[in-house]
Amino acid sequence: MRLFERAGIDLASEPTVGLGSVCRLQSTRKGDRHRHRAMGARGLRLHGFGFKTLGLEQVGHLLASADSAAWSYHASRRPPLPCHTHKNCANCLPYAPRWRTRVLSALPTWQYPTLNAA
């Protein structure tokens, strides 16, 4: 954040601030969780790119939104949903909201006040 401030960029004035690809980091690096908390404490509306369920459990309450390709990966490793004729549901629109519901139901509700609003 200091680098942005030095460059004259006020992140607080931005509608959303993306947290780079964290797809392999949030479950392993405690420092990343502290970074997310520090940015959230500044009142920034944060979007987490590549968040796993474990990352959402830890800092989901600080995020306005998050994305992940985990649903597509999961679907690619399983048979398609009943009545679907494709090989798998890796790019299947009905599969994605089912995955989202599963992830949200695994989290305590206080962890996703804004994530559930989408």
N, C-alpha and C. Protein backbone atom coordinates (compact mmCIF):
# COMPACT_ATOMS: atom_id res chain seq x y z
N MET A 1 0.83 -1.19 0.00
CA MET A 1 0.00 0.00 0.00
C MET A 1 0.87 1.25 0.00
N ARG A 2 2.01 1.15 0.69
CA ARG A 2 2.91 2.32 0.71
C ARG A 2 3.40 2.66 -0.69
N LEU A 3 3.64 1.64 -1.51
CA LEU A 3 4.10 1.91 -2.87
C LEU A 3 3.03 2.64 -3.68
N PHE A 4 1.77 2.26 -3.49
CA PHE A 4 0.69 2.97 -4.17
C PHE A 4 0.61 4.41 -3.68
N GLU A 5 0.71 4.59 -2.37
CA GLU A 5 0.65 5.94 -1.81
C GLU A 5 1.79 6.80 -2.35
N ARG A 6 2.99 6.22 -2.42
CA ARG A 6 4.14 6.97 -2.95
C ARG A 6 3.94 7.35 -4.41
N ALA A 7 3.22 6.51 -5.14
CA ALA A 7 2.95 6.78 -6.56
C ALA A 7 1.77 7.72 -6.74
N GLY A 8 1.16 8.16 -5.64
CA GLY A 8 0.05 9.08 -5.73
C GLY A 8 -1.30 8.44 -6.00
N ILE A 9 -1.38 7.14 -5.75
CA ILE A 9 -2.64 6.42 -5.99
C ILE A 9 -3.33 6.22 -4.64
N ASP A 10 -4.54 6.74 -4.55
CA ASP A 10 -5.34 6.60 -3.34
C ASP A 10 -6.27 5.41 -3.49
N LEU A 11 -5.87 4.27 -2.94
CA LEU A 11 -6.67 3.07 -3.08
C LEU A 11 -8.05 3.22 -2.44
N ALA A 12 -8.16 4.03 -1.41
CA ALA A 12 -9.45 4.23 -0.74
C ALA A 12 -10.47 4.90 -1.67
N SER A 13 -10.01 5.58 -2.69
CA SER A 13 -10.94 6.24 -3.62
C SER A 13 -11.40 5.29 -4.74
N GLU A 14 -10.83 4.12 -4.80
CA GLU A 14 -11.20 3.15 -5.84
C GLU A 14 -12.43 2.35 -5.41
N PRO A 15 -13.31 2.01 -6.35
CA PRO A 15 -14.52 1.25 -5.99
C PRO A 15 -14.20 -0.15 -5.47
N THR A 16 -13.16 -0.77 -6.00
CA THR A 16 -12.74 -2.10 -5.57
C THR A 16 -11.23 -2.21 -5.75
N VAL A 17 -10.59 -2.88 -4.81
CA VAL A 17 -9.15 -3.11 -4.89
C VAL A 17 -8.94 -4.61 -4.97
N GLY A 18 -8.31 -5.07 -6.04
CA GLY A 18 -8.06 -6.50 -6.22
C GLY A 18 -6.80 -6.93 -5.50
N LEU A 19 -6.89 -8.10 -4.88
CA LEU A 19 -5.73 -8.70 -4.26
C LEU A 19 -5.22 -9.76 -5.22
N GLY A 20 -4.12 -9.46 -5.90
CA GLY A 20 -3.49 -10.28 -6.92
C GLY A 20 -3.85 -11.74 -6.89
N SER A 21 -3.32 -12.60 -7.65
CA SER A 21 -3.67 -14.01 -7.58
C SER A 21 -3.11 -14.59 -6.29
N VAL A 22 -4.01 -15.04 -5.45
CA VAL A 22 -3.60 -15.63 -4.18
C VAL A 22 -3.95 -17.12 -4.16
N CYS A 23 -4.16 -17.70 -5.33
CA CYS A 23 -4.68 -19.06 -5.42
C CYS A 23 -3.83 -20.09 -4.69
N ARG A 24 -2.55 -19.89 -4.56
CA ARG A 24 -1.72 -20.87 -3.87
C ARG A 24 -1.12 -20.32 -2.58
N LEU A 25 -1.57 -19.15 -2.17
CA LEU A 25 -0.93 -18.51 -1.02
C LEU A 25 -1.75 -18.51 0.25
N GLN A 26 -3.06 -18.28 0.17
CA GLN A 26 -3.79 -17.97 1.39
C GLN A 26 -3.83 -19.11 2.40
N SER A 27 -3.60 -20.33 2.00
CA SER A 27 -3.64 -21.41 2.97
C SER A 27 -2.27 -21.66 3.59
N THR A 28 -1.23 -21.06 3.04
CA THR A 28 0.11 -21.41 3.49
C THR A 28 0.87 -20.26 4.12
N ARG A 29 0.53 -19.04 3.82
CA ARG A 29 1.35 -17.93 4.30
C ARG A 29 0.56 -17.03 5.23
N LYS A 30 0.94 -17.10 6.49
CA LYS A 30 0.27 -16.30 7.51
C LYS A 30 0.38 -14.81 7.21
N GLY A 31 1.49 -14.38 6.63
CA GLY A 31 1.69 -12.98 6.30
C GLY A 31 0.65 -12.45 5.34
N ASP A 32 0.19 -13.30 4.43
CA ASP A 32 -0.85 -12.87 3.49
C ASP A 32 -2.15 -12.59 4.21
N ARG A 33 -2.49 -13.41 5.21
CA ARG A 33 -3.71 -13.16 5.98
C ARG A 33 -3.61 -11.82 6.70
N HIS A 34 -2.44 -11.52 7.24
CA HIS A 34 -2.24 -10.23 7.91
C HIS A 34 -2.36 -9.08 6.93
N ARG A 35 -1.86 -9.27 5.72
CA ARG A 35 -1.95 -8.23 4.68
C ARG A 35 -3.41 -7.97 4.33
N HIS A 36 -4.19 -9.03 4.18
CA HIS A 36 -5.61 -8.86 3.87
C HIS A 36 -6.32 -8.13 5.00
N ARG A 37 -6.00 -8.51 6.22
CA ARG A 37 -6.63 -7.86 7.37
C ARG A 37 -6.25 -6.38 7.43
N ALA A 38 -4.99 -6.08 7.16
CA ALA A 38 -4.54 -4.68 7.20
C ALA A 38 -5.23 -3.86 6.13
N MET A 39 -5.38 -4.42 4.94
CA MET A 39 -6.05 -3.68 3.86
C MET A 39 -7.54 -3.53 4.17
N GLY A 40 -8.16 -4.57 4.71
CA GLY A 40 -9.56 -4.50 5.09
C GLY A 40 -9.80 -3.49 6.19
N ALA A 41 -8.86 -3.39 7.12
CA ALA A 41 -8.99 -2.43 8.22
C ALA A 41 -8.94 -0.99 7.73
N ARG A 42 -8.39 -0.77 6.56
CA ARG A 42 -8.34 0.59 6.00
C ARG A 42 -9.64 0.95 5.28
N GLY A 43 -10.60 0.04 5.33
CA GLY A 43 -11.90 0.33 4.72
C GLY A 43 -11.95 0.11 3.22
N LEU A 44 -10.98 -0.59 2.67
CA LEU A 44 -10.97 -0.84 1.23
C LEU A 44 -11.98 -1.92 0.88
N ARG A 45 -12.65 -1.74 -0.24
CA ARG A 45 -13.56 -2.77 -0.75
C ARG A 45 -12.68 -3.73 -1.56
N LEU A 46 -12.47 -4.93 -1.02
CA LEU A 46 -11.49 -5.86 -1.57
C LEU A 46 -12.13 -6.97 -2.40
N HIS A 47 -11.45 -7.32 -3.50
CA HIS A 47 -11.82 -8.49 -4.29
C HIS A 47 -10.63 -9.44 -4.25
N GLY A 48 -10.88 -10.68 -3.86
CA GLY A 48 -9.82 -11.69 -3.81
C GLY A 48 -9.83 -12.55 -5.05
N PHE A 49 -8.74 -12.53 -5.79
CA PHE A 49 -8.60 -13.36 -6.98
C PHE A 49 -8.09 -14.74 -6.58
N GLY A 50 -8.71 -15.79 -7.07
CA GLY A 50 -8.21 -17.14 -6.85
C GLY A 50 -8.31 -17.63 -5.42
N PHE A 51 -9.39 -17.32 -4.74
CA PHE A 51 -9.52 -17.72 -3.33
C PHE A 51 -10.04 -19.13 -3.17
N LYS A 52 -9.38 -19.88 -2.31
CA LYS A 52 -9.84 -21.21 -1.93
C LYS A 52 -10.79 -21.08 -0.75
N THR A 53 -11.48 -22.16 -0.45
CA THR A 53 -12.40 -22.17 0.69
C THR A 53 -11.66 -21.85 1.97
N LEU A 54 -10.45 -22.39 2.15
CA LEU A 54 -9.68 -22.12 3.37
C LEU A 54 -9.38 -20.62 3.50
N GLY A 55 -9.05 -19.99 2.39
CA GLY A 55 -8.80 -18.55 2.42
C GLY A 55 -10.05 -17.77 2.78
N LEU A 56 -11.19 -18.20 2.27
CA LEU A 56 -12.45 -17.55 2.62
C LEU A 56 -12.78 -17.73 4.10
N GLU A 57 -12.46 -18.91 4.63
CA GLU A 57 -12.69 -19.14 6.06
C GLU A 57 -11.88 -18.16 6.90
N GLN A 58 -10.69 -17.83 6.44
CA GLN A 58 -9.79 -16.99 7.22
C GLN A 58 -10.05 -15.50 7.05
N VAL A 59 -10.31 -15.06 5.84
CA VAL A 59 -10.45 -13.62 5.60
C VAL A 59 -11.66 -13.24 4.75
N GLY A 60 -12.57 -14.18 4.52
CA GLY A 60 -13.74 -13.90 3.68
C GLY A 60 -14.56 -12.73 4.17
N HIS A 61 -14.61 -12.54 5.46
CA HIS A 61 -15.39 -11.43 6.02
C HIS A 61 -14.81 -10.07 5.66
N LEU A 62 -13.57 -10.03 5.17
CA LEU A 62 -12.94 -8.77 4.78
C LEU A 62 -13.14 -8.46 3.30
N LEU A 63 -13.69 -9.41 2.56
CA LEU A 63 -13.81 -9.26 1.11
C LEU A 63 -15.20 -8.84 0.69
N ALA A 64 -15.25 -7.99 -0.30
CA ALA A 64 -16.53 -7.64 -0.92
C ALA A 64 -16.91 -8.70 -1.94
N SER A 65 -15.90 -9.32 -2.54
CA SER A 65 -16.13 -10.36 -3.54
C SER A 65 -14.87 -11.20 -3.67
N ALA A 66 -15.03 -12.35 -4.29
CA ALA A 66 -13.89 -13.24 -4.53
C ALA A 66 -14.23 -14.13 -5.72
N ASP A 67 -13.21 -14.66 -6.34
CA ASP A 67 -13.43 -15.61 -7.41
C ASP A 67 -12.47 -16.78 -7.26
N SER A 68 -12.78 -17.82 -7.99
CA SER A 68 -11.97 -19.02 -7.94
C SER A 68 -12.30 -19.88 -9.14
N ALA A 69 -11.32 -20.59 -9.62
CA ALA A 69 -11.55 -21.57 -10.68
C ALA A 69 -11.72 -22.96 -10.08
N ALA A 70 -11.77 -23.06 -8.77
CA ALA A 70 -11.88 -24.35 -8.10
C ALA A 70 -13.12 -25.11 -8.54
N TRP A 71 -14.22 -24.39 -8.73
CA TRP A 71 -15.45 -25.07 -9.13
C TRP A 71 -15.27 -25.78 -10.47
N SER A 72 -14.61 -25.12 -11.40
CA SER A 72 -14.40 -25.70 -12.73
C SER A 72 -13.46 -26.90 -12.66
N TYR A 73 -12.41 -26.76 -11.86
CA TYR A 73 -11.46 -27.87 -11.67
C TYR A 73 -12.19 -29.06 -11.04
N HIS A 74 -12.96 -28.80 -10.00
CA HIS A 74 -13.73 -29.84 -9.32
C HIS A 74 -14.66 -30.54 -10.31
N ALA A 75 -15.38 -29.76 -11.09
CA ALA A 75 -16.33 -30.32 -12.06
C ALA A 75 -15.62 -31.14 -13.14
N SER A 76 -14.42 -30.73 -13.52
CA SER A 76 -13.70 -31.45 -14.57
C SER A 76 -13.27 -32.84 -14.14
N ARG A 77 -13.24 -33.07 -12.85
CA ARG A 77 -12.80 -34.36 -12.30
C ARG A 77 -13.96 -35.29 -11.94
N ARG A 78 -15.18 -34.88 -12.25
CA ARG A 78 -16.36 -35.65 -11.88
C ARG A 78 -17.28 -35.85 -13.08
N PRO A 79 -18.16 -36.83 -12.96
CA PRO A 79 -19.14 -37.00 -14.04
C PRO A 79 -20.06 -35.79 -14.11
N PRO A 80 -20.69 -35.57 -15.24
CA PRO A 80 -21.60 -34.42 -15.35
C PRO A 80 -22.81 -34.59 -14.44
N LEU A 81 -23.48 -33.47 -14.21
CA LEU A 81 -24.72 -33.50 -13.43
C LEU A 81 -25.75 -34.38 -14.16
N PRO A 82 -26.70 -34.94 -13.42
CA PRO A 82 -27.74 -35.74 -14.07
C PRO A 82 -28.43 -34.95 -15.19
N CYS A 83 -28.73 -35.61 -16.25
CA CYS A 83 -29.39 -35.05 -17.45
C CYS A 83 -28.48 -34.15 -18.28
N HIS A 84 -27.22 -33.99 -17.91
CA HIS A 84 -26.28 -33.22 -18.74
C HIS A 84 -25.59 -34.19 -19.69
N THR A 85 -25.47 -33.79 -20.93
CA THR A 85 -24.92 -34.68 -21.95
C THR A 85 -23.44 -34.44 -22.23
N HIS A 86 -22.85 -33.40 -21.64
CA HIS A 86 -21.43 -33.14 -21.91
C HIS A 86 -20.54 -34.06 -21.05
N LYS A 87 -19.25 -34.09 -21.38
CA LYS A 87 -18.28 -34.98 -20.72
C LYS A 87 -18.19 -34.70 -19.23
N ASN A 88 -18.15 -33.43 -18.87
CA ASN A 88 -18.13 -33.00 -17.47
C ASN A 88 -18.70 -31.59 -17.41
N CYS A 89 -18.84 -31.05 -16.23
CA CYS A 89 -19.48 -29.73 -16.06
C CYS A 89 -18.46 -28.61 -15.78
N ALA A 90 -17.24 -28.76 -16.30
CA ALA A 90 -16.19 -27.78 -16.04
C ALA A 90 -16.53 -26.38 -16.53
N ASN A 91 -17.35 -26.26 -17.54
CA ASN A 91 -17.76 -24.96 -18.05
C ASN A 91 -19.28 -24.82 -18.07
N CYS A 92 -19.90 -25.44 -17.11
CA CYS A 92 -21.34 -25.58 -17.08
C CYS A 92 -21.95 -24.55 -16.13
N LEU A 93 -22.81 -23.69 -16.65
CA LEU A 93 -23.42 -22.65 -15.83
C LEU A 93 -24.21 -23.19 -14.64
N PRO A 94 -24.99 -24.25 -14.76
CA PRO A 94 -25.72 -24.75 -13.58
C PRO A 94 -24.81 -25.27 -12.47
N TYR A 95 -23.59 -25.72 -12.83
CA TYR A 95 -22.67 -26.26 -11.82
C TYR A 95 -22.12 -25.16 -10.91
N ALA A 96 -21.82 -24.01 -11.48
CA ALA A 96 -21.18 -22.92 -10.72
C ALA A 96 -22.00 -22.47 -9.51
N PRO A 97 -23.31 -22.17 -9.63
CA PRO A 97 -24.05 -21.75 -8.44
C PRO A 97 -24.20 -22.86 -7.40
N ARG A 98 -24.21 -24.12 -7.85
CA ARG A 98 -24.23 -25.22 -6.89
C ARG A 98 -22.96 -25.23 -6.06
N TRP A 99 -21.84 -24.99 -6.74
CA TRP A 99 -20.55 -24.93 -6.04
C TRP A 99 -20.55 -23.77 -5.05
N ARG A 100 -21.02 -22.63 -5.48
CA ARG A 100 -21.08 -21.44 -4.61
C ARG A 100 -21.91 -21.72 -3.36
N THR A 101 -23.05 -22.34 -3.55
CA THR A 101 -23.91 -22.67 -2.41
C THR A 101 -23.19 -23.62 -1.45
N ARG A 102 -22.48 -24.59 -2.01
CA ARG A 102 -21.73 -25.53 -1.18
C ARG A 102 -20.65 -24.82 -0.37
N VAL A 103 -19.91 -23.93 -1.01
CA VAL A 103 -18.84 -23.20 -0.32
C VAL A 103 -19.43 -22.31 0.77
N LEU A 104 -20.47 -21.55 0.45
CA LEU A 104 -21.06 -20.66 1.45
C LEU A 104 -21.67 -21.43 2.62
N SER A 105 -22.25 -22.57 2.35
CA SER A 105 -22.86 -23.34 3.44
C SER A 105 -21.80 -23.94 4.36
N ALA A 106 -20.56 -24.06 3.88
CA ALA A 106 -19.47 -24.58 4.70
C ALA A 106 -18.85 -23.51 5.59
N LEU A 107 -19.14 -22.25 5.32
CA LEU A 107 -18.57 -21.15 6.10
C LEU A 107 -19.56 -20.68 7.15
N PRO A 108 -19.05 -20.24 8.32
CA PRO A 108 -19.96 -19.60 9.27
C PRO A 108 -20.51 -18.31 8.66
N THR A 109 -21.75 -18.00 8.91
CA THR A 109 -22.38 -16.85 8.24
C THR A 109 -21.67 -15.54 8.54
N TRP A 110 -21.04 -15.39 9.67
CA TRP A 110 -20.34 -14.13 9.96
C TRP A 110 -19.12 -13.95 9.08
N GLN A 111 -18.67 -15.00 8.40
CA GLN A 111 -17.49 -14.91 7.55
C GLN A 111 -17.80 -14.29 6.20
N TYR A 112 -19.06 -14.25 5.78
CA TYR A 112 -19.33 -13.76 4.43
C TYR A 112 -20.49 -12.79 4.34
N PRO A 113 -20.47 -11.73 5.11
CA PRO A 113 -21.59 -10.80 5.04
C PRO A 113 -21.80 -10.18 3.66
N THR A 114 -20.73 -9.86 2.97
CA THR A 114 -20.90 -9.28 1.64
C THR A 114 -20.80 -10.31 0.54
N LEU A 115 -20.09 -11.40 0.77
CA LEU A 115 -19.97 -12.43 -0.26
C LEU A 115 -21.33 -13.04 -0.57
N ASN A 116 -22.20 -13.13 0.42
CA ASN A 116 -23.50 -13.74 0.22
C ASN A 116 -24.47 -12.81 -0.49
N ALA A 117 -24.14 -11.54 -0.58
CA ALA A 117 -25.04 -10.56 -1.18
C ALA A 117 -25.04 -10.62 -2.70
N ALA A 118 -24.04 -11.26 -3.28
CA ALA A 118 -23.91 -11.28 -4.75
C ALA A 118 -24.98 -12.10 -5.42
